[in-house]
Amino acid sequence: MVDRRANRRPIGESVTSFDLPPPNKTKATISPEVNIDSTIQQPPTSTDKAADIDKYADATPIPFFALFRHGTTQDKLIIFIGMVVQAFVGLSFSGMNLVFGEVLDDLSSPAESILTSTISTIKIMAILAAVFGVAAFIGMSAIPYGAARITNRVRNAYVTAVLAQDMEFFDESKPGEIVAALAEYTMDFEEGLSIKLGEGLQ
């Protein structure tokens, strides 16, 4: 048998192989407080909204039809079809009110003919809903499609005009200013020619 008592350390003797490192006597530095409010994105204020409006204060207004100057005949035809369809969809809401009034009249008719008249009116409503749904899809697709084609040509014309400038123009411009202006202005142009135009007609 192995006598394990021979390997025992005397009481009070420290184990050097597992000694802890000496404590760090350097003083702890406290980092400056972080302002949490500065890291949170604040909602736009009235001053910011006024600044967004003022950035177009010096812009020269142009006629409405001048927006289609860079569009081809096909682009103008696509947008014209979308405008007509969107106007038709806008009128459809009034038409649905008339049909709904017919349904109410049928419900107040005598019991003998209420079923026949109500079913015929509901069929008319279903047909009109299908027609208006297809028309709304065409209108909401045609105008943005034509506007995107025109915007692409406007973007190409903008880049061509920028590249034709002298070197002094690029020296005076801030880094990224031309690219930011290209993205911002063409986006506003496309939004006004597609979404705003369709909503206004509808």
N, C-alpha and C. Protein backbone atom coordinates (compact mmCIF):
# COMPACT_ATOMS: atom_id res chain seq x y z
N MET A 1 0.83 -1.20 0.00
CA MET A 1 0.00 0.00 0.00
C MET A 1 0.87 1.25 0.00
N VAL A 2 0.37 2.30 -0.63
CA VAL A 2 1.11 3.55 -0.72
C VAL A 2 0.73 4.43 0.45
N ASP A 3 1.72 4.89 1.14
CA ASP A 3 1.46 5.77 2.28
C ASP A 3 1.28 7.20 1.77
N ARG A 4 0.04 7.67 1.78
CA ARG A 4 -0.27 9.00 1.25
C ARG A 4 0.10 10.09 2.25
N ARG A 5 0.34 9.69 3.47
CA ARG A 5 0.69 10.71 4.45
C ARG A 5 2.06 11.31 4.18
N ALA A 6 2.90 10.56 3.44
CA ALA A 6 4.23 11.09 3.14
C ALA A 6 4.17 12.25 2.17
N ASN A 7 3.11 12.28 1.32
CA ASN A 7 2.98 13.34 0.32
C ASN A 7 2.21 14.56 0.83
N ARG A 8 1.73 14.45 2.06
CA ARG A 8 0.97 15.58 2.59
C ARG A 8 1.90 16.71 2.97
N ARG A 9 1.41 17.96 2.75
CA ARG A 9 2.19 19.13 3.12
C ARG A 9 1.90 19.49 4.57
N PRO A 10 2.88 20.02 5.25
CA PRO A 10 2.64 20.46 6.64
C PRO A 10 1.61 21.56 6.67
N ILE A 11 0.91 21.61 7.79
CA ILE A 11 -0.11 22.64 7.97
C ILE A 11 0.54 24.00 8.00
N GLY A 12 -0.03 24.95 7.24
CA GLY A 12 0.51 26.30 7.19
C GLY A 12 1.41 26.56 6.03
N GLU A 13 1.86 25.50 5.31
CA GLU A 13 2.74 25.69 4.16
C GLU A 13 1.88 26.06 2.96
N SER A 14 2.28 27.11 2.24
CA SER A 14 1.49 27.58 1.10
C SER A 14 1.85 26.81 -0.15
N VAL A 15 0.90 26.73 -1.02
CA VAL A 15 1.10 26.07 -2.31
C VAL A 15 1.50 27.14 -3.31
N THR A 16 2.77 27.16 -3.70
CA THR A 16 3.28 28.23 -4.56
C THR A 16 2.79 28.10 -5.98
N SER A 17 2.48 26.90 -6.44
CA SER A 17 2.07 26.74 -7.83
C SER A 17 0.68 27.28 -8.09
N PHE A 18 -0.10 27.48 -7.04
CA PHE A 18 -1.45 28.01 -7.21
C PHE A 18 -1.63 29.35 -6.52
N ASP A 19 -0.51 30.03 -6.27
CA ASP A 19 -0.62 31.34 -5.63
C ASP A 19 -1.31 32.32 -6.56
N LEU A 20 -2.19 33.13 -6.02
CA LEU A 20 -2.89 34.14 -6.81
C LEU A 20 -1.96 35.29 -7.13
N PRO A 21 -2.14 35.97 -8.25
CA PRO A 21 -1.30 37.12 -8.59
C PRO A 21 -1.56 38.25 -7.63
N PRO A 22 -0.57 39.08 -7.43
CA PRO A 22 -0.74 40.20 -6.50
C PRO A 22 -1.82 41.13 -7.00
N PRO A 23 -2.55 41.73 -6.10
CA PRO A 23 -3.63 42.64 -6.52
C PRO A 23 -3.10 43.85 -7.26
N ASN A 24 -3.88 44.30 -8.22
CA ASN A 24 -3.51 45.47 -9.00
C ASN A 24 -3.78 46.71 -8.17
N LYS A 25 -2.74 47.44 -7.90
CA LYS A 25 -2.86 48.60 -7.02
C LYS A 25 -3.14 49.90 -7.78
N THR A 26 -3.27 49.79 -9.09
CA THR A 26 -3.57 51.00 -9.86
C THR A 26 -5.01 51.42 -9.63
N LYS A 27 -5.23 52.71 -9.61
CA LYS A 27 -6.56 53.23 -9.38
C LYS A 27 -7.43 53.04 -10.63
N ALA A 28 -8.65 52.67 -10.38
CA ALA A 28 -9.58 52.48 -11.49
C ALA A 28 -10.02 53.85 -12.01
N THR A 29 -10.04 53.95 -13.33
CA THR A 29 -10.47 55.20 -13.96
C THR A 29 -11.93 55.10 -14.32
N ILE A 30 -12.65 56.14 -14.07
CA ILE A 30 -14.08 56.18 -14.36
C ILE A 30 -14.26 56.87 -15.70
N SER A 31 -14.90 56.16 -16.61
CA SER A 31 -15.14 56.73 -17.94
C SER A 31 -16.19 57.81 -17.85
N PRO A 32 -16.10 58.82 -18.69
CA PRO A 32 -17.11 59.88 -18.65
C PRO A 32 -18.48 59.34 -18.97
N GLU A 33 -19.47 59.95 -18.40
CA GLU A 33 -20.84 59.50 -18.61
C GLU A 33 -21.26 59.73 -20.05
N VAL A 34 -21.99 58.77 -20.57
CA VAL A 34 -22.48 58.85 -21.95
C VAL A 34 -23.89 59.40 -21.91
N ASN A 35 -24.11 60.41 -22.69
CA ASN A 35 -25.44 61.00 -22.78
C ASN A 35 -26.32 60.10 -23.64
N ILE A 36 -27.24 59.40 -22.99
CA ILE A 36 -28.07 58.44 -23.72
C ILE A 36 -28.99 59.16 -24.69
N ASP A 37 -29.41 60.36 -24.32
CA ASP A 37 -30.33 61.09 -25.20
C ASP A 37 -29.69 61.43 -26.54
N SER A 38 -28.35 61.59 -26.54
CA SER A 38 -27.67 61.94 -27.79
C SER A 38 -27.57 60.76 -28.73
N THR A 39 -27.65 59.53 -28.18
CA THR A 39 -27.54 58.35 -29.03
C THR A 39 -28.87 57.93 -29.61
N ILE A 40 -29.97 58.45 -29.08
CA ILE A 40 -31.30 58.11 -29.57
C ILE A 40 -31.69 59.11 -30.65
N GLN A 41 -32.17 58.57 -31.78
CA GLN A 41 -32.56 59.43 -32.89
C GLN A 41 -33.85 60.17 -32.52
N GLN A 42 -33.76 61.47 -32.50
CA GLN A 42 -34.89 62.30 -32.12
C GLN A 42 -35.83 62.47 -33.31
N PRO A 43 -37.14 62.56 -33.07
CA PRO A 43 -38.07 62.78 -34.18
C PRO A 43 -37.87 64.16 -34.79
N PRO A 44 -38.20 64.31 -36.07
CA PRO A 44 -38.01 65.61 -36.71
C PRO A 44 -38.90 66.68 -36.09
N THR A 45 -38.32 67.82 -35.87
CA THR A 45 -39.05 68.94 -35.29
C THR A 45 -39.61 69.83 -36.40
N SER A 46 -40.33 70.85 -35.97
CA SER A 46 -40.89 71.79 -36.94
C SER A 46 -39.79 72.56 -37.66
N THR A 47 -38.67 72.77 -36.97
CA THR A 47 -37.55 73.47 -37.61
C THR A 47 -36.96 72.63 -38.73
N ASP A 48 -36.83 71.30 -38.50
CA ASP A 48 -36.31 70.42 -39.54
C ASP A 48 -37.26 70.36 -40.73
N LYS A 49 -38.56 70.32 -40.47
CA LYS A 49 -39.52 70.29 -41.57
C LYS A 49 -39.47 71.59 -42.37
N ALA A 50 -39.30 72.70 -41.66
CA ALA A 50 -39.20 73.99 -42.36
C ALA A 50 -37.94 74.05 -43.20
N ALA A 51 -36.86 73.42 -42.71
CA ALA A 51 -35.62 73.40 -43.49
C ALA A 51 -35.79 72.56 -44.75
N ASP A 52 -36.55 71.45 -44.65
CA ASP A 52 -36.79 70.64 -45.83
C ASP A 52 -37.60 71.39 -46.87
N ILE A 53 -38.51 72.25 -46.41
CA ILE A 53 -39.31 73.04 -47.35
C ILE A 53 -38.47 74.17 -47.95
N ASP A 54 -37.62 74.76 -47.13
CA ASP A 54 -36.81 75.90 -47.60
C ASP A 54 -35.75 75.50 -48.61
N LYS A 55 -35.40 74.21 -48.66
CA LYS A 55 -34.35 73.81 -49.60
C LYS A 55 -34.81 73.93 -51.04
N TYR A 56 -36.14 74.00 -51.27
CA TYR A 56 -36.67 74.19 -52.61
C TYR A 56 -37.16 75.62 -52.82
N ALA A 57 -36.81 76.53 -51.90
CA ALA A 57 -37.30 77.90 -52.01
C ALA A 57 -36.71 78.61 -53.22
N ASP A 58 -35.45 78.32 -53.53
CA ASP A 58 -34.78 78.98 -54.65
C ASP A 58 -34.99 78.27 -55.98
N ALA A 59 -35.73 77.16 -55.96
CA ALA A 59 -35.94 76.40 -57.19
C ALA A 59 -36.90 77.15 -58.12
N THR A 60 -36.63 77.07 -59.40
CA THR A 60 -37.48 77.73 -60.39
C THR A 60 -38.62 76.79 -60.77
N PRO A 61 -39.87 77.18 -60.56
CA PRO A 61 -40.98 76.30 -60.93
C PRO A 61 -41.09 76.15 -62.44
N ILE A 62 -41.50 74.98 -62.87
CA ILE A 62 -41.66 74.69 -64.29
C ILE A 62 -43.09 74.23 -64.53
N PRO A 63 -43.57 74.35 -65.75
CA PRO A 63 -44.93 73.87 -66.05
C PRO A 63 -45.03 72.36 -65.85
N PHE A 64 -46.26 71.90 -65.67
CA PHE A 64 -46.47 70.48 -65.41
C PHE A 64 -46.05 69.62 -66.59
N PHE A 65 -46.39 70.06 -67.79
CA PHE A 65 -46.07 69.25 -68.97
C PHE A 65 -44.58 69.24 -69.28
N ALA A 66 -43.82 70.16 -68.66
CA ALA A 66 -42.37 70.13 -68.86
C ALA A 66 -41.72 68.93 -68.18
N LEU A 67 -42.44 68.28 -67.26
CA LEU A 67 -41.91 67.08 -66.62
C LEU A 67 -41.77 65.92 -67.61
N PHE A 68 -42.55 65.96 -68.68
CA PHE A 68 -42.51 64.89 -69.67
C PHE A 68 -41.57 65.21 -70.82
N ARG A 69 -40.70 66.18 -70.64
CA ARG A 69 -39.83 66.62 -71.73
C ARG A 69 -38.86 65.52 -72.14
N HIS A 70 -38.39 64.74 -71.18
CA HIS A 70 -37.43 63.68 -71.49
C HIS A 70 -38.10 62.34 -71.79
N GLY A 71 -39.41 62.31 -71.85
CA GLY A 71 -40.11 61.06 -72.13
C GLY A 71 -40.38 60.88 -73.61
N THR A 72 -40.44 59.64 -74.02
CA THR A 72 -40.78 59.33 -75.41
C THR A 72 -42.29 59.30 -75.57
N THR A 73 -42.73 59.08 -76.79
CA THR A 73 -44.17 58.98 -77.05
C THR A 73 -44.77 57.79 -76.33
N GLN A 74 -44.02 56.70 -76.26
CA GLN A 74 -44.50 55.52 -75.56
C GLN A 74 -44.66 55.78 -74.06
N ASP A 75 -43.70 56.48 -73.48
CA ASP A 75 -43.80 56.81 -72.05
C ASP A 75 -45.01 57.68 -71.77
N LYS A 76 -45.22 58.68 -72.60
CA LYS A 76 -46.37 59.57 -72.40
C LYS A 76 -47.68 58.83 -72.58
N LEU A 77 -47.72 57.89 -73.53
CA LEU A 77 -48.94 57.11 -73.74
C LEU A 77 -49.23 56.22 -72.54
N ILE A 78 -48.19 55.61 -71.99
CA ILE A 78 -48.38 54.75 -70.81
C ILE A 78 -48.92 55.55 -69.63
N ILE A 79 -48.33 56.73 -69.40
CA ILE A 79 -48.79 57.56 -68.29
C ILE A 79 -50.20 58.09 -68.54
N PHE A 80 -50.51 58.42 -69.79
CA PHE A 80 -51.85 58.91 -70.11
C PHE A 80 -52.90 57.83 -69.85
N ILE A 81 -52.60 56.60 -70.24
CA ILE A 81 -53.53 55.50 -69.96
C ILE A 81 -53.70 55.31 -68.46
N GLY A 82 -52.60 55.37 -67.73
CA GLY A 82 -52.69 55.25 -66.28
C GLY A 82 -53.50 56.37 -65.66
N MET A 83 -53.37 57.59 -66.18
CA MET A 83 -54.14 58.73 -65.65
C MET A 83 -55.63 58.54 -65.89
N VAL A 84 -55.98 58.08 -67.08
CA VAL A 84 -57.40 57.86 -67.39
C VAL A 84 -57.98 56.77 -66.49
N VAL A 85 -57.22 55.70 -66.32
CA VAL A 85 -57.70 54.59 -65.49
C VAL A 85 -57.82 55.02 -64.03
N GLN A 86 -56.85 55.80 -63.54
CA GLN A 86 -56.92 56.27 -62.16
C GLN A 86 -58.12 57.19 -61.94
N ALA A 87 -58.42 58.04 -62.92
CA ALA A 87 -59.61 58.88 -62.81
C ALA A 87 -60.88 58.03 -62.80
N PHE A 88 -60.89 56.96 -63.60
CA PHE A 88 -62.03 56.05 -63.61
C PHE A 88 -62.18 55.34 -62.27
N VAL A 89 -61.07 54.96 -61.67
CA VAL A 89 -61.12 54.31 -60.36
C VAL A 89 -61.64 55.28 -59.30
N GLY A 90 -61.23 56.54 -59.39
CA GLY A 90 -61.74 57.52 -58.44
C GLY A 90 -63.25 57.71 -58.55
N LEU A 91 -63.77 57.67 -59.77
CA LEU A 91 -65.22 57.78 -59.95
C LEU A 91 -65.95 56.53 -59.51
N SER A 92 -65.25 55.41 -59.46
CA SER A 92 -65.90 54.15 -59.10
C SER A 92 -66.39 54.15 -57.66
N PHE A 93 -65.76 54.92 -56.79
CA PHE A 93 -66.21 54.96 -55.40
C PHE A 93 -67.62 55.55 -55.30
N SER A 94 -67.90 56.56 -56.11
CA SER A 94 -69.26 57.11 -56.13
C SER A 94 -70.23 56.11 -56.73
N GLY A 95 -69.78 55.39 -57.75
CA GLY A 95 -70.65 54.38 -58.35
C GLY A 95 -70.99 53.25 -57.39
N MET A 96 -70.02 52.86 -56.57
CA MET A 96 -70.29 51.81 -55.59
C MET A 96 -71.30 52.28 -54.55
N ASN A 97 -71.30 53.55 -54.24
CA ASN A 97 -72.31 54.07 -53.30
C ASN A 97 -73.71 53.98 -53.89
N LEU A 98 -73.82 54.23 -55.19
CA LEU A 98 -75.13 54.11 -55.84
C LEU A 98 -75.61 52.67 -55.84
N VAL A 99 -74.69 51.75 -56.12
CA VAL A 99 -75.06 50.33 -56.13
C VAL A 99 -75.44 49.88 -54.72
N PHE A 100 -74.71 50.35 -53.73
CA PHE A 100 -75.04 49.99 -52.35
C PHE A 100 -76.41 50.53 -51.96
N GLY A 101 -76.77 51.71 -52.48
CA GLY A 101 -78.12 52.23 -52.24
C GLY A 101 -79.18 51.34 -52.87
N GLU A 102 -78.88 50.77 -54.04
CA GLU A 102 -79.81 49.83 -54.66
C GLU A 102 -79.99 48.59 -53.79
N VAL A 103 -78.92 48.13 -53.17
CA VAL A 103 -79.03 46.96 -52.27
C VAL A 103 -79.95 47.28 -51.10
N LEU A 104 -79.82 48.46 -50.54
CA LEU A 104 -80.70 48.84 -49.43
C LEU A 104 -82.15 48.93 -49.87
N ASP A 105 -82.38 49.42 -51.09
CA ASP A 105 -83.75 49.47 -51.60
C ASP A 105 -84.31 48.07 -51.80
N ASP A 106 -83.47 47.15 -52.27
CA ASP A 106 -83.94 45.77 -52.47
C ASP A 106 -84.27 45.10 -51.15
N LEU A 107 -83.51 45.42 -50.12
CA LEU A 107 -83.78 44.81 -48.81
C LEU A 107 -85.09 45.31 -48.20
N SER A 108 -85.52 46.48 -48.63
CA SER A 108 -86.79 47.02 -48.13
C SER A 108 -87.97 46.70 -49.04
N SER A 109 -87.74 45.91 -50.09
CA SER A 109 -88.80 45.52 -51.01
C SER A 109 -89.64 44.40 -50.39
N PRO A 110 -90.80 44.06 -50.98
CA PRO A 110 -91.63 42.97 -50.43
C PRO A 110 -90.86 41.65 -50.35
N ALA A 111 -91.31 40.81 -49.45
CA ALA A 111 -90.60 39.56 -49.18
C ALA A 111 -90.60 38.62 -50.38
N GLU A 112 -91.61 38.74 -51.27
CA GLU A 112 -91.68 37.81 -52.39
C GLU A 112 -90.54 38.03 -53.38
N SER A 113 -90.14 39.29 -53.59
CA SER A 113 -89.12 39.59 -54.60
C SER A 113 -87.78 40.01 -54.01
N ILE A 114 -87.64 39.94 -52.69
CA ILE A 114 -86.40 40.42 -52.08
C ILE A 114 -85.21 39.55 -52.44
N LEU A 115 -85.43 38.24 -52.54
CA LEU A 115 -84.31 37.35 -52.83
C LEU A 115 -83.81 37.54 -54.25
N THR A 116 -84.73 37.60 -55.20
CA THR A 116 -84.33 37.73 -56.61
C THR A 116 -83.64 39.07 -56.87
N SER A 117 -84.22 40.15 -56.37
CA SER A 117 -83.64 41.47 -56.61
C SER A 117 -82.30 41.65 -55.91
N THR A 118 -82.18 41.09 -54.70
CA THR A 118 -80.93 41.23 -53.97
C THR A 118 -79.81 40.46 -54.64
N ILE A 119 -80.09 39.26 -55.11
CA ILE A 119 -79.06 38.45 -55.77
C ILE A 119 -78.59 39.13 -57.05
N SER A 120 -79.50 39.69 -57.82
CA SER A 120 -79.10 40.37 -59.06
C SER A 120 -78.23 41.59 -58.77
N THR A 121 -78.57 42.32 -57.71
CA THR A 121 -77.76 43.50 -57.35
C THR A 121 -76.39 43.09 -56.85
N ILE A 122 -76.32 42.01 -56.10
CA ILE A 122 -75.03 41.52 -55.60
C ILE A 122 -74.15 41.07 -56.76
N LYS A 123 -74.73 40.46 -57.77
CA LYS A 123 -73.95 40.07 -58.95
C LYS A 123 -73.36 41.30 -59.64
N ILE A 124 -74.17 42.35 -59.73
CA ILE A 124 -73.66 43.58 -60.35
C ILE A 124 -72.50 44.14 -59.52
N MET A 125 -72.62 44.11 -58.20
CA MET A 125 -71.55 44.61 -57.35
C MET A 125 -70.28 43.78 -57.51
N ALA A 126 -70.44 42.46 -57.63
CA ALA A 126 -69.26 41.60 -57.80
C ALA A 126 -68.56 41.89 -59.12
N ILE A 127 -69.34 42.10 -60.18
CA ILE A 127 -68.74 42.40 -61.49
C ILE A 127 -68.03 43.75 -61.45
N LEU A 128 -68.68 44.74 -60.85
CA LEU A 128 -68.05 46.06 -60.75
C LEU A 128 -66.78 46.02 -59.90
N ALA A 129 -66.81 45.24 -58.83
CA ALA A 129 -65.62 45.14 -57.98
C ALA A 129 -64.46 44.51 -58.74
N ALA A 130 -64.75 43.50 -59.56
CA ALA A 130 -63.68 42.87 -60.35
C ALA A 130 -63.13 43.84 -61.39
N VAL A 131 -64.03 44.59 -62.05
CA VAL A 131 -63.58 45.55 -63.06
C VAL A 131 -62.76 46.66 -62.42
N PHE A 132 -63.22 47.17 -61.29
CA PHE A 132 -62.50 48.25 -60.62
C PHE A 132 -61.16 47.76 -60.07
N GLY A 133 -61.11 46.50 -59.64
CA GLY A 133 -59.85 45.96 -59.15
C GLY A 133 -58.81 45.86 -60.25
N VAL A 134 -59.23 45.39 -61.42
CA VAL A 134 -58.30 45.31 -62.55
C VAL A 134 -57.88 46.70 -63.00
N ALA A 135 -58.83 47.64 -63.02
CA ALA A 135 -58.51 49.01 -63.42
C ALA A 135 -57.54 49.66 -62.44
N ALA A 136 -57.75 49.43 -61.15
CA ALA A 136 -56.84 50.00 -60.16
C ALA A 136 -55.44 49.43 -60.30
N PHE A 137 -55.35 48.14 -60.59
CA PHE A 137 -54.03 47.52 -60.78
C PHE A 137 -53.33 48.11 -62.00
N ILE A 138 -54.07 48.30 -63.09
CA ILE A 138 -53.46 48.87 -64.30
C ILE A 138 -53.02 50.31 -64.04
N GLY A 139 -53.88 51.08 -63.36
CA GLY A 139 -53.53 52.47 -63.10
C GLY A 139 -52.34 52.62 -62.18
N MET A 140 -52.28 51.80 -61.12
CA MET A 140 -51.18 51.88 -60.18
C MET A 140 -49.88 51.28 -60.73
N SER A 141 -49.97 50.57 -61.83
CA SER A 141 -48.77 50.00 -62.45
C SER A 141 -48.28 50.83 -63.63
N ALA A 142 -49.22 51.39 -64.39
CA ALA A 142 -48.83 52.11 -65.61
C ALA A 142 -48.12 53.42 -65.28
N ILE A 143 -48.67 54.19 -64.35
CA ILE A 143 -48.07 55.49 -64.04
C ILE A 143 -46.67 55.35 -63.44
N PRO A 144 -46.45 54.50 -62.42
CA PRO A 144 -45.08 54.35 -61.92
C PRO A 144 -44.11 53.78 -62.95
N TYR A 145 -44.61 52.91 -63.83
CA TYR A 145 -43.72 52.35 -64.86
C TYR A 145 -43.26 53.43 -65.83
N GLY A 146 -44.21 54.23 -66.32
CA GLY A 146 -43.82 55.32 -67.21
C GLY A 146 -42.96 56.36 -66.52
N ALA A 147 -43.26 56.65 -65.25
CA ALA A 147 -42.45 57.62 -64.51
C ALA A 147 -41.04 57.11 -64.28
N ALA A 148 -40.89 55.81 -64.05
CA ALA A 148 -39.55 55.24 -63.87
C ALA A 148 -38.73 55.34 -65.15
N ARG A 149 -39.37 55.14 -66.30
CA ARG A 149 -38.65 55.26 -67.57
C ARG A 149 -38.20 56.70 -67.81
N ILE A 150 -39.08 57.66 -67.52
CA ILE A 150 -38.70 59.06 -67.70
C ILE A 150 -37.62 59.46 -66.71
N THR A 151 -37.73 58.99 -65.47
CA THR A 151 -36.72 59.32 -64.46
C THR A 151 -35.36 58.78 -64.84
N ASN A 152 -35.33 57.62 -65.45
CA ASN A 152 -34.05 57.05 -65.89
C ASN A 152 -33.40 57.94 -66.94
N ARG A 153 -34.18 58.49 -67.84
CA ARG A 153 -33.63 59.40 -68.85
C ARG A 153 -33.19 60.73 -68.22
N VAL A 154 -33.94 61.20 -67.25
CA VAL A 154 -33.54 62.43 -66.54
C VAL A 154 -32.23 62.21 -65.80
N ARG A 155 -32.07 61.04 -65.20
CA ARG A 155 -30.83 60.72 -64.49
C ARG A 155 -29.65 60.68 -65.45
N ASN A 156 -29.85 60.09 -66.61
CA ASN A 156 -28.77 60.06 -67.61
C ASN A 156 -28.43 61.46 -68.11
N ALA A 157 -29.45 62.30 -68.30
CA ALA A 157 -29.19 63.67 -68.74
C ALA A 157 -28.45 64.46 -67.66
N TYR A 158 -28.77 64.21 -66.40
CA TYR A 158 -28.09 64.89 -65.30
C TYR A 158 -26.61 64.50 -65.25
N VAL A 159 -26.35 63.21 -65.37
CA VAL A 159 -24.95 62.75 -65.34
C VAL A 159 -24.18 63.30 -66.53
N THR A 160 -24.81 63.34 -67.70
CA THR A 160 -24.15 63.88 -68.89
C THR A 160 -23.82 65.36 -68.70
N ALA A 161 -24.75 66.12 -68.10
CA ALA A 161 -24.50 67.54 -67.87
C ALA A 161 -23.41 67.75 -66.83
N VAL A 162 -23.34 66.88 -65.82
CA VAL A 162 -22.30 67.02 -64.80
C VAL A 162 -20.93 66.72 -65.38
N LEU A 163 -20.84 65.68 -66.20
CA LEU A 163 -19.55 65.32 -66.79
C LEU A 163 -19.06 66.35 -67.79
N ALA A 164 -19.95 67.19 -68.29
CA ALA A 164 -19.55 68.23 -69.24
C ALA A 164 -19.03 69.49 -68.55
N GLN A 165 -19.04 69.52 -67.22
CA GLN A 165 -18.56 70.70 -66.49
C GLN A 165 -17.04 70.74 -66.45
N ASP A 166 -16.52 71.93 -66.14
CA ASP A 166 -15.07 72.11 -66.00
C ASP A 166 -14.59 71.51 -64.68
N MET A 167 -13.28 71.40 -64.55
CA MET A 167 -12.69 70.85 -63.32
C MET A 167 -12.95 71.76 -62.13
N GLU A 168 -13.12 73.05 -62.38
CA GLU A 168 -13.39 73.98 -61.29
C GLU A 168 -14.70 73.65 -60.59
N PHE A 169 -15.66 73.15 -61.35
CA PHE A 169 -16.95 72.77 -60.77
C PHE A 169 -16.78 71.64 -59.76
N PHE A 170 -15.95 70.66 -60.08
CA PHE A 170 -15.73 69.54 -59.16
C PHE A 170 -14.87 69.95 -57.97
N ASP A 171 -13.97 70.91 -58.18
CA ASP A 171 -13.15 71.37 -57.06
C ASP A 171 -13.97 72.12 -56.03
N GLU A 172 -14.96 72.86 -56.48
CA GLU A 172 -15.78 73.64 -55.56
C GLU A 172 -16.88 72.80 -54.91
N SER A 173 -17.18 71.64 -55.46
CA SER A 173 -18.23 70.79 -54.90
C SER A 173 -17.69 70.01 -53.71
N LYS A 174 -18.55 69.76 -52.74
CA LYS A 174 -18.18 68.96 -51.58
C LYS A 174 -18.17 67.48 -51.94
N PRO A 175 -17.41 66.67 -51.20
CA PRO A 175 -17.39 65.23 -51.50
C PRO A 175 -18.77 64.61 -51.32
N GLY A 176 -19.22 63.92 -52.34
CA GLY A 176 -20.52 63.25 -52.29
C GLY A 176 -21.71 64.14 -52.56
N GLU A 177 -21.48 65.43 -52.79
CA GLU A 177 -22.61 66.35 -52.99
C GLU A 177 -23.33 66.07 -54.30
N ILE A 178 -22.58 65.77 -55.35
CA ILE A 178 -23.20 65.54 -56.65
C ILE A 178 -24.01 64.26 -56.64
N VAL A 179 -23.45 63.21 -56.04
CA VAL A 179 -24.16 61.93 -56.00
C VAL A 179 -25.41 62.04 -55.13
N ALA A 180 -25.29 62.74 -54.00
CA ALA A 180 -26.45 62.91 -53.12
C ALA A 180 -27.55 63.71 -53.80
N ALA A 181 -27.16 64.75 -54.53
CA ALA A 181 -28.15 65.55 -55.25
C ALA A 181 -28.82 64.74 -56.35
N LEU A 182 -28.04 63.91 -57.03
CA LEU A 182 -28.61 63.07 -58.08
C LEU A 182 -29.64 62.11 -57.51
N ALA A 183 -29.31 61.47 -56.40
CA ALA A 183 -30.24 60.50 -55.80
C ALA A 183 -31.48 61.19 -55.23
N GLU A 184 -31.29 62.33 -54.59
CA GLU A 184 -32.42 63.01 -53.93
C GLU A 184 -33.37 63.62 -54.95
N TYR A 185 -32.83 64.34 -55.91
CA TYR A 185 -33.69 65.05 -56.85
C TYR A 185 -34.44 64.10 -57.78
N THR A 186 -33.75 63.07 -58.25
CA THR A 186 -34.44 62.12 -59.12
C THR A 186 -35.50 61.33 -58.36
N MET A 187 -35.25 61.06 -57.07
CA MET A 187 -36.25 60.36 -56.27
C MET A 187 -37.49 61.23 -56.07
N ASP A 188 -37.28 62.51 -55.79
CA ASP A 188 -38.43 63.43 -55.66
C ASP A 188 -39.16 63.58 -56.98
N PHE A 189 -38.42 63.61 -58.07
CA PHE A 189 -39.04 63.73 -59.39
C PHE A 189 -39.91 62.52 -59.69
N GLU A 190 -39.38 61.33 -59.43
CA GLU A 190 -40.15 60.11 -59.71
C GLU A 190 -41.36 59.99 -58.80
N GLU A 191 -41.21 60.38 -57.54
CA GLU A 191 -42.34 60.31 -56.61
C GLU A 191 -43.46 61.26 -57.02
N GLY A 192 -43.09 62.46 -57.43
CA GLY A 192 -44.11 63.41 -57.83
C GLY A 192 -44.79 63.04 -59.13
N LEU A 193 -44.06 62.38 -60.03
CA LEU A 193 -44.62 62.02 -61.33
C LEU A 193 -45.40 60.72 -61.29
N SER A 194 -45.23 59.92 -60.26
CA SER A 194 -45.91 58.62 -60.20
C SER A 194 -46.93 58.57 -59.07
N ILE A 195 -46.46 58.56 -57.83
CA ILE A 195 -47.36 58.36 -56.70
C ILE A 195 -48.29 59.56 -56.51
N LYS A 196 -47.71 60.76 -56.49
CA LYS A 196 -48.52 61.95 -56.25
C LYS A 196 -49.51 62.20 -57.38
N LEU A 197 -49.08 61.94 -58.60
CA LEU A 197 -49.97 62.14 -59.74
C LEU A 197 -51.14 61.17 -59.69
N GLY A 198 -50.85 59.90 -59.40
CA GLY A 198 -51.92 58.90 -59.31
C GLY A 198 -52.89 59.18 -58.18
N GLU A 199 -52.37 59.57 -57.02
CA GLU A 199 -53.25 59.87 -55.89
C GLU A 199 -54.10 61.10 -56.16
N GLY A 200 -53.52 62.09 -56.83
CA GLY A 200 -54.29 63.29 -57.14
C GLY A 200 -55.44 63.02 -58.10
N LEU A 201 -55.20 62.19 -59.09
CA LEU A 201 -56.26 61.86 -60.04
C LEU A 201 -57.32 60.98 -59.41
N GLN A 202 -56.90 60.10 -58.54
CA GLN A 202 -57.86 59.19 -57.92
C GLN A 202 -58.74 59.93 -56.91
